[in-house]
Amino acid sequence: MEAKVAQEGYILTGSQLIVLEKAKEEKVAHGEIETYHPCYLGAQDTYYVGDIKGVGHIYQQTFIDTYSKFAFTKLYDRKNALVAADMLNDQVVSFFDEHELRCYRSSSLYIPNPDIYSTLPIADWFTE
């Protein structure tokens, strides 16, 4: 909205400016971020599902592409970094590779130069 106002040369009223500032504050307060294309940024988390007799604890790994809101899930009997990397390599990377898209960021993981890392599976990114 601000860019359009600046580009078109509109003059906003005081109440319009207040609404615009409030919207900005809400966006920051909710931690919203901008993503520019599919696989630009993904969020991954682990959820405790429950127990199965004879198996033990069951955990769900979930990955959500923040641009498309496309989600992947997989169940595991343990909760650790290897399981998280396995889910990324098994489902997420393979899916986006089939669609010729590269994933560069996952949650707080940021790859500053995707050209160097684009051929590595995500599991290897944790050790670089």
C-alpha atoms as a PDB file:
ATOM      1  CA  MET A   1       0.000   0.000   0.000  1.00  0.00           C
ATOM      2  CA  GLU A   2       2.780   2.427   0.909  1.00  0.00           C
ATOM      3  CA  ALA A   3       4.558   1.766  -2.384  1.00  0.00           C
ATOM      4  CA  LYS A   4       1.365   2.385  -4.359  1.00  0.00           C
ATOM      5  CA  VAL A   5       0.711   5.619  -2.454  1.00  0.00           C
ATOM      6  CA  ALA A   6       4.258   6.821  -3.142  1.00  0.00           C
ATOM      7  CA  GLN A   7       4.120   5.753  -6.780  1.00  0.00           C
ATOM      8  CA  GLU A   8       0.699   7.272  -7.528  1.00  0.00           C
ATOM      9  CA  GLY A   9       1.286  10.371  -5.409  1.00  0.00           C
ATOM     10  CA  TYR A  10      -1.821   9.916  -3.249  1.00  0.00           C
ATOM     11  CA  ILE A  11      -2.185  11.944  -0.079  1.00  0.00           C
ATOM     12  CA  LEU A  12      -3.461   9.952   2.882  1.00  0.00           C
ATOM     13  CA  THR A  13      -5.683  11.330   5.609  1.00  0.00           C
ATOM     14  CA  GLY A  14      -4.699  11.116   9.276  1.00  0.00           C
ATOM     15  CA  SER A  15      -7.074   8.208   9.904  1.00  0.00           C
ATOM     16  CA  GLN A  16      -5.700   6.317   6.873  1.00  0.00           C
ATOM     17  CA  LEU A  17      -2.149   6.768   8.182  1.00  0.00           C
ATOM     18  CA  ILE A  18      -3.196   5.459  11.606  1.00  0.00           C
ATOM     19  CA  VAL A  19      -4.772   2.351  10.033  1.00  0.00           C
ATOM     20  CA  LEU A  20      -1.657   1.792   7.899  1.00  0.00           C
ATOM     21  CA  GLU A  21       0.659   2.069  10.929  1.00  0.00           C
ATOM     22  CA  LYS A  22      -1.563  -0.275  12.961  1.00  0.00           C
ATOM     23  CA  ALA A  23      -1.468  -2.864  10.167  1.00  0.00           C
ATOM     24  CA  LYS A  24       2.340  -2.578  10.102  1.00  0.00           C
ATOM     25  CA  GLU A  25       2.542  -3.111  13.867  1.00  0.00           C
ATOM     26  CA  GLU A  26       0.245  -6.156  13.697  1.00  0.00           C
ATOM     27  CA  LYS A  27       2.346  -7.681  10.952  1.00  0.00           C
ATOM     28  CA  VAL A  28       5.504  -7.299  13.052  1.00  0.00           C
ATOM     29  CA  ALA A  29       3.747  -8.489  16.223  1.00  0.00           C
ATOM     30  CA  HIS A  30       2.603 -11.680  14.519  1.00  0.00           C
ATOM     31  CA  GLY A  31       6.038 -12.355  13.083  1.00  0.00           C
ATOM     32  CA  GLU A  32       4.840 -12.377   9.487  1.00  0.00           C
ATOM     33  CA  ILE A  33       7.498 -12.586   6.814  1.00  0.00           C
ATOM     34  CA  GLU A  34       7.456 -12.241   3.073  1.00  0.00           C
ATOM     35  CA  THR A  35       8.259 -15.161   0.813  1.00  0.00           C
ATOM     36  CA  TYR A  36       8.745 -14.678  -2.898  1.00  0.00           C
ATOM     37  CA  HIS A  37       8.289 -18.088  -4.537  1.00  0.00           C
ATOM     38  CA  PRO A  38       7.667 -21.758  -3.681  1.00  0.00           C
ATOM     39  CA  CYS A  39      10.461 -23.305  -1.624  1.00  0.00           C
ATOM     40  CA  TYR A  40      11.892 -19.900  -0.690  1.00  0.00           C
ATOM     41  CA  LEU A  41      11.271 -20.599   2.985  1.00  0.00           C
ATOM     42  CA  GLY A  42       9.939 -23.612   4.817  1.00  0.00           C
ATOM     43  CA  ALA A  43       8.886 -24.180   8.395  1.00  0.00           C
ATOM     44  CA  GLN A  44       9.488 -27.533  10.029  1.00  0.00           C
ATOM     45  CA  ASP A  45       8.376 -28.787  13.416  1.00  0.00           C
ATOM     46  CA  THR A  46       7.941 -31.976  15.414  1.00  0.00           C
ATOM     47  CA  TYR A  47       4.704 -32.867  17.179  1.00  0.00           C
ATOM     48  CA  TYR A  48       4.121 -35.595  19.739  1.00  0.00           C
ATOM     49  CA  VAL A  49       1.229 -37.723  18.445  1.00  0.00           C
ATOM     50  CA  GLY A  50       0.907 -40.374  21.158  1.00  0.00           C
ATOM     51  CA  ASP A  51       1.962 -43.889  22.078  1.00  0.00           C
ATOM     52  CA  ILE A  52       1.369 -47.191  20.313  1.00  0.00           C
ATOM     53  CA  LYS A  53       1.593 -50.351  22.356  1.00  0.00           C
ATOM     54  CA  GLY A  54       4.722 -52.259  21.409  1.00  0.00           C
ATOM     55  CA  VAL A  55       6.161 -49.283  19.486  1.00  0.00           C
ATOM     56  CA  GLY A  56       6.343 -46.459  22.014  1.00  0.00           C
ATOM     57  CA  HIS A  57       6.224 -42.743  21.346  1.00  0.00           C
ATOM     58  CA  ILE A  58       5.075 -41.543  17.912  1.00  0.00           C
ATOM     59  CA  TYR A  59       6.153 -38.160  16.549  1.00  0.00           C
ATOM     60  CA  GLN A  60       4.995 -36.324  13.440  1.00  0.00           C
ATOM     61  CA  GLN A  61       7.487 -34.312  11.411  1.00  0.00           C
ATOM     62  CA  THR A  62       5.741 -31.517   9.523  1.00  0.00           C
ATOM     63  CA  PHE A  63       7.176 -29.239   6.832  1.00  0.00           C
ATOM     64  CA  ILE A  64       5.163 -26.349   5.379  1.00  0.00           C
ATOM     65  CA  ASP A  65       6.254 -24.304   2.379  1.00  0.00           C
ATOM     66  CA  THR A  66       5.455 -20.786   3.576  1.00  0.00           C
ATOM     67  CA  TYR A  67       4.721 -19.457   0.078  1.00  0.00           C
ATOM     68  CA  SER A  68       2.374 -22.123  -1.295  1.00  0.00           C
ATOM     69  CA  LYS A  69       1.229 -23.455   2.118  1.00  0.00           C
ATOM     70  CA  PHE A  70       1.899 -26.951   0.747  1.00  0.00           C
ATOM     71  CA  ALA A  71       2.615 -29.332   3.638  1.00  0.00           C
ATOM     72  CA  PHE A  72       4.418 -32.648   4.094  1.00  0.00           C
ATOM     73  CA  THR A  73       4.149 -34.963   7.099  1.00  0.00           C
ATOM     74  CA  LYS A  74       5.775 -38.193   8.164  1.00  0.00           C
ATOM     75  CA  LEU A  75       5.556 -40.277  11.350  1.00  0.00           C
ATOM     76  CA  TYR A  76       8.579 -41.465  13.331  1.00  0.00           C
ATOM     77  CA  ASP A  77       9.262 -43.333  16.552  1.00  0.00           C
ATOM     78  CA  ARG A  78      11.948 -40.890  17.671  1.00  0.00           C
ATOM     79  CA  LYS A  79      12.613 -37.169  17.735  1.00  0.00           C
ATOM     80  CA  ASN A  80      16.077 -35.959  16.664  1.00  0.00           C
ATOM     81  CA  ALA A  81      17.931 -34.017  13.956  1.00  0.00           C
ATOM     82  CA  LEU A  82      18.523 -37.097  11.784  1.00  0.00           C
ATOM     83  CA  VAL A  83      14.788 -37.741  11.594  1.00  0.00           C
ATOM     84  CA  ALA A  84      14.177 -34.106  10.653  1.00  0.00           C
ATOM     85  CA  ALA A  85      16.802 -34.294   7.888  1.00  0.00           C
ATOM     86  CA  ASP A  86      15.424 -37.632   6.684  1.00  0.00           C
ATOM     87  CA  MET A  87      11.966 -36.137   6.266  1.00  0.00           C
ATOM     88  CA  LEU A  88      13.352 -33.185   4.326  1.00  0.00           C
ATOM     89  CA  ASN A  89      15.404 -35.384   1.997  1.00  0.00           C
ATOM     90  CA  ASP A  90      12.771 -38.094   1.591  1.00  0.00           C
ATOM     91  CA  GLN A  91       9.735 -35.945   0.897  1.00  0.00           C
ATOM     92  CA  VAL A  92      10.418 -32.222   0.599  1.00  0.00           C
ATOM     93  CA  VAL A  93      13.573 -32.047  -1.518  1.00  0.00           C
ATOM     94  CA  SER A  94      12.484 -34.899  -3.780  1.00  0.00           C
ATOM     95  CA  PHE A  95       9.088 -33.254  -4.387  1.00  0.00           C
ATOM     96  CA  PHE A  96      10.532 -29.849  -5.229  1.00  0.00           C
ATOM     97  CA  ASP A  97      13.309 -31.418  -7.341  1.00  0.00           C
ATOM     98  CA  GLU A  98      10.618 -33.144  -9.435  1.00  0.00           C
ATOM     99  CA  HIS A  99       9.153 -29.688 -10.046  1.00  0.00           C
ATOM    100  CA  GLU A 100      12.599 -28.174 -10.717  1.00  0.00           C
ATOM    101  CA  LEU A 101      12.568 -25.938  -7.637  1.00  0.00           C
ATOM    102  CA  ARG A 102      15.448 -25.674  -5.151  1.00  0.00           C
ATOM    103  CA  CYS A 103      14.954 -25.214  -1.420  1.00  0.00           C
ATOM    104  CA  TYR A 104      17.346 -22.760   0.199  1.00  0.00           C
ATOM    105  CA  ARG A 105      15.902 -22.056   3.651  1.00  0.00           C
ATOM    106  CA  SER A 106      14.236 -24.212   6.266  1.00  0.00           C
ATOM    107  CA  SER A 107      12.996 -22.564   9.467  1.00  0.00           C
ATOM    108  CA  SER A 108      16.032 -20.741  10.896  1.00  0.00           C
ATOM    109  CA  LEU A 109      18.420 -22.476   8.494  1.00  0.00           C
ATOM    110  CA  TYR A 110      19.656 -20.010   5.872  1.00  0.00           C
ATOM    111  CA  ILE A 111      22.001 -20.865   3.040  1.00  0.00           C
ATOM    112  CA  PRO A 112      23.707 -17.583   2.048  1.00  0.00           C
ATOM    113  CA  ASN A 113      24.989 -18.773  -1.335  1.00  0.00           C
ATOM    114  CA  PRO A 114      22.540 -21.271  -2.876  1.00  0.00           C
ATOM    115  CA  ASP A 115      24.827 -21.888  -5.878  1.00  0.00           C
ATOM    116  CA  ILE A 116      27.404 -23.573  -3.653  1.00  0.00           C
ATOM    117  CA  TYR A 117      24.908 -25.727  -1.776  1.00  0.00           C
ATOM    118  CA  SER A 118      22.281 -26.413  -4.441  1.00  0.00           C
ATOM    119  CA  THR A 119      23.627 -29.897  -5.168  1.00  0.00           C
ATOM    120  CA  LEU A 120      23.786 -30.950  -1.505  1.00  0.00           C
ATOM    121  CA  PRO A 121      20.899 -32.753   0.151  1.00  0.00           C
ATOM    122  CA  ILE A 122      19.448 -30.724   3.007  1.00  0.00           C
ATOM    123  CA  ALA A 123      20.825 -33.217   5.581  1.00  0.00           C
ATOM    124  CA  ASP A 124      24.341 -32.162   4.554  1.00  0.00           C
ATOM    125  CA  TRP A 125      23.519 -28.489   5.142  1.00  0.00           C
ATOM    126  CA  PHE A 126      23.433 -29.125   8.895  1.00  0.00           C
ATOM    127  CA  THR A 127      27.081 -30.188   8.874  1.00  0.00           C
ATOM    128  CA  GLU A 128      28.471 -27.464   6.610  1.00  0.00           C
END
